[in-house]
Amino acid sequence: MELVLVSGQYQKLIENLEQFQHDQIRIEITKVKSPYVYFKVTSDIGKSEVISNISRAIRSDKNTTGFDFQIYGFYRGKIDFLTYMTDQSKQQYDYYKNK
């Protein structure tokens, strides 16, 4: 699955992603374009659990305390800022209609 980390402090958070260790999650950074860090995740667990585990690991690092960041998945090739909505609900927004 592909994910993206969005943060003003993205350069410092790249180190956290590169050093992330988890038995069921493997991360490969594919692209960096300020303020986005795109990365591929290889895992057998679900997207929401993967995002939760990565976020928890970053927040537990004392060097990144207070950093503001978000991790999103993708929907129809676009960053999925509305993860809480159903696919059907997302179709009403032009952002998700145009690929």
C-alpha atoms as a PDB file:
ATOM      1  CA  MET A   1       0.000   0.000   0.000  1.00  0.00           C
ATOM      2  CA  GLU A   2       1.104   3.550  -0.612  1.00  0.00           C
ATOM      3  CA  LEU A   3       0.968   6.219   2.067  1.00  0.00           C
ATOM      4  CA  VAL A   4       2.052   9.829   2.388  1.00  0.00           C
ATOM      5  CA  LEU A   5       3.310  11.741   5.402  1.00  0.00           C
ATOM      6  CA  VAL A   6       2.502  15.460   5.399  1.00  0.00           C
ATOM      7  CA  SER A   7       4.463  17.768   7.681  1.00  0.00           C
ATOM      8  CA  GLY A   8       6.376  21.002   7.774  1.00  0.00           C
ATOM      9  CA  GLN A   9       9.166  19.099   9.538  1.00  0.00           C
ATOM     10  CA  TYR A  10       9.199  16.340   6.924  1.00  0.00           C
ATOM     11  CA  GLN A  11      12.998  16.205   6.649  1.00  0.00           C
ATOM     12  CA  LYS A  12      13.424  15.218  10.283  1.00  0.00           C
ATOM     13  CA  LEU A  13      10.548  12.747  10.079  1.00  0.00           C
ATOM     14  CA  ILE A  14      12.160  10.967   7.110  1.00  0.00           C
ATOM     15  CA  GLU A  15      14.780   9.651   9.550  1.00  0.00           C
ATOM     16  CA  ASN A  16      12.017   8.213  11.723  1.00  0.00           C
ATOM     17  CA  LEU A  17      10.470   6.460   8.736  1.00  0.00           C
ATOM     18  CA  GLU A  18      13.815   5.060   7.603  1.00  0.00           C
ATOM     19  CA  GLN A  19      14.568   3.741  11.096  1.00  0.00           C
ATOM     20  CA  PHE A  20      11.042   2.428  11.763  1.00  0.00           C
ATOM     21  CA  GLN A  21      11.164  -1.148  13.017  1.00  0.00           C
ATOM     22  CA  HIS A  22       8.138  -3.396  13.224  1.00  0.00           C
ATOM     23  CA  ASP A  23       7.790  -7.120  12.673  1.00  0.00           C
ATOM     24  CA  GLN A  24       4.841  -6.817  10.289  1.00  0.00           C
ATOM     25  CA  ILE A  25       5.552  -3.490   8.568  1.00  0.00           C
ATOM     26  CA  ARG A  26       8.273  -2.654   6.029  1.00  0.00           C
ATOM     27  CA  ILE A  27       8.686   0.900   4.720  1.00  0.00           C
ATOM     28  CA  GLU A  28      10.330   2.126   1.520  1.00  0.00           C
ATOM     29  CA  ILE A  29      10.433   5.875   0.837  1.00  0.00           C
ATOM     30  CA  THR A  30       9.649   6.452  -2.844  1.00  0.00           C
ATOM     31  CA  LYS A  31       9.456  10.228  -3.271  1.00  0.00           C
ATOM     32  CA  VAL A  32       9.949  13.421  -1.290  1.00  0.00           C
ATOM     33  CA  LYS A  33       8.311  16.644  -2.447  1.00  0.00           C
ATOM     34  CA  SER A  34       7.928  19.315   0.209  1.00  0.00           C
ATOM     35  CA  PRO A  35       5.932  18.915   2.480  1.00  0.00           C
ATOM     36  CA  TYR A  36       5.070  15.362   1.370  1.00  0.00           C
ATOM     37  CA  VAL A  37       6.977  12.126   1.952  1.00  0.00           C
ATOM     38  CA  TYR A  38       5.579   9.310  -0.182  1.00  0.00           C
ATOM     39  CA  PHE A  39       6.342   5.769   0.896  1.00  0.00           C
ATOM     40  CA  LYS A  40       5.340   2.173   0.202  1.00  0.00           C
ATOM     41  CA  VAL A  41       4.392  -0.134   3.021  1.00  0.00           C
ATOM     42  CA  THR A  42       4.553  -3.885   2.845  1.00  0.00           C
ATOM     43  CA  SER A  43       2.341  -5.429   5.499  1.00  0.00           C
ATOM     44  CA  ASP A  44      -0.350  -8.017   6.122  1.00  0.00           C
ATOM     45  CA  ILE A  45      -2.251  -5.761   8.517  1.00  0.00           C
ATOM     46  CA  GLY A  46      -4.837  -3.139   7.545  1.00  0.00           C
ATOM     47  CA  LYS A  47      -4.165   0.427   6.474  1.00  0.00           C
ATOM     48  CA  SER A  48      -5.607   2.081   9.584  1.00  0.00           C
ATOM     49  CA  GLU A  49      -3.535  -0.144  11.891  1.00  0.00           C
ATOM     50  CA  VAL A  50      -0.376   0.515   9.861  1.00  0.00           C
ATOM     51  CA  ILE A  51      -0.943   4.277  10.033  1.00  0.00           C
ATOM     52  CA  SER A  52      -1.614   4.038  13.757  1.00  0.00           C
ATOM     53  CA  ASN A  53       1.572   2.040  14.409  1.00  0.00           C
ATOM     54  CA  ILE A  54       3.757   4.407  12.384  1.00  0.00           C
ATOM     55  CA  SER A  55       2.213   7.511  13.990  1.00  0.00           C
ATOM     56  CA  ARG A  56       2.639   6.052  17.463  1.00  0.00           C
ATOM     57  CA  ALA A  57       6.303   5.269  16.792  1.00  0.00           C
ATOM     58  CA  ILE A  58       7.001   8.790  15.522  1.00  0.00           C
ATOM     59  CA  ARG A  59       5.201  10.410  18.457  1.00  0.00           C
ATOM     60  CA  SER A  60       7.086   8.239  20.960  1.00  0.00           C
ATOM     61  CA  ASP A  61      10.428   9.618  19.738  1.00  0.00           C
ATOM     62  CA  LYS A  62      11.432  12.434  22.086  1.00  0.00           C
ATOM     63  CA  ASN A  63      13.200  14.227  19.207  1.00  0.00           C
ATOM     64  CA  THR A  64       9.891  14.668  17.397  1.00  0.00           C
ATOM     65  CA  THR A  65       7.747  15.657  20.384  1.00  0.00           C
ATOM     66  CA  GLY A  66       5.390  18.418  19.312  1.00  0.00           C
ATOM     67  CA  PHE A  67       5.861  17.853  15.576  1.00  0.00           C
ATOM     68  CA  ASP A  68       2.643  18.245  13.648  1.00  0.00           C
ATOM     69  CA  PHE A  69       2.154  15.612  10.958  1.00  0.00           C
ATOM     70  CA  GLN A  70      -0.484  13.450   9.316  1.00  0.00           C
ATOM     71  CA  ILE A  71      -0.281  10.184   7.425  1.00  0.00           C
ATOM     72  CA  TYR A  72      -2.787   9.509   4.670  1.00  0.00           C
ATOM     73  CA  GLY A  73      -3.549   6.754   2.213  1.00  0.00           C
ATOM     74  CA  PHE A  74      -4.706   7.172  -1.374  1.00  0.00           C
ATOM     75  CA  TYR A  75      -8.085   6.918  -3.061  1.00  0.00           C
ATOM     76  CA  ARG A  76      -8.333   6.841  -6.863  1.00  0.00           C
ATOM     77  CA  GLY A  77      -4.757   8.093  -7.160  1.00  0.00           C
ATOM     78  CA  LYS A  78      -5.307  11.131  -4.920  1.00  0.00           C
ATOM     79  CA  ILE A  79      -4.297  11.728  -1.312  1.00  0.00           C
ATOM     80  CA  ASP A  80      -7.265  10.590   0.772  1.00  0.00           C
ATOM     81  CA  PHE A  81      -7.804  13.517   3.136  1.00  0.00           C
ATOM     82  CA  LEU A  82     -11.309  12.244   3.955  1.00  0.00           C
ATOM     83  CA  THR A  83     -10.492   8.770   5.233  1.00  0.00           C
ATOM     84  CA  TYR A  84     -13.513   8.782   7.534  1.00  0.00           C
ATOM     85  CA  MET A  85     -15.956   8.999   4.607  1.00  0.00           C
ATOM     86  CA  THR A  86     -17.298   6.119   2.575  1.00  0.00           C
ATOM     87  CA  ASP A  87     -16.195   5.729  -1.039  1.00  0.00           C
ATOM     88  CA  GLN A  88     -19.699   6.607  -2.175  1.00  0.00           C
ATOM     89  CA  SER A  89     -19.666   9.865  -0.183  1.00  0.00           C
ATOM     90  CA  LYS A  90     -16.292  10.861  -1.622  1.00  0.00           C
ATOM     91  CA  GLN A  91     -17.719  10.719  -5.151  1.00  0.00           C
ATOM     92  CA  GLN A  92     -19.614  13.960  -4.563  1.00  0.00           C
ATOM     93  CA  TYR A  93     -16.329  15.903  -4.404  1.00  0.00           C
ATOM     94  CA  ASP A  94     -14.602  17.013  -7.616  1.00  0.00           C
ATOM     95  CA  TYR A  95     -11.207  16.286  -6.035  1.00  0.00           C
ATOM     96  CA  TYR A  96     -11.961  12.550  -6.039  1.00  0.00           C
ATOM     97  CA  LYS A  97     -13.891  12.466  -9.327  1.00  0.00           C
ATOM     98  CA  ASN A  98     -10.990  13.612 -11.480  1.00  0.00           C
ATOM     99  CA  LYS A  99      -8.147  11.154 -11.680  1.00  0.00           C
END
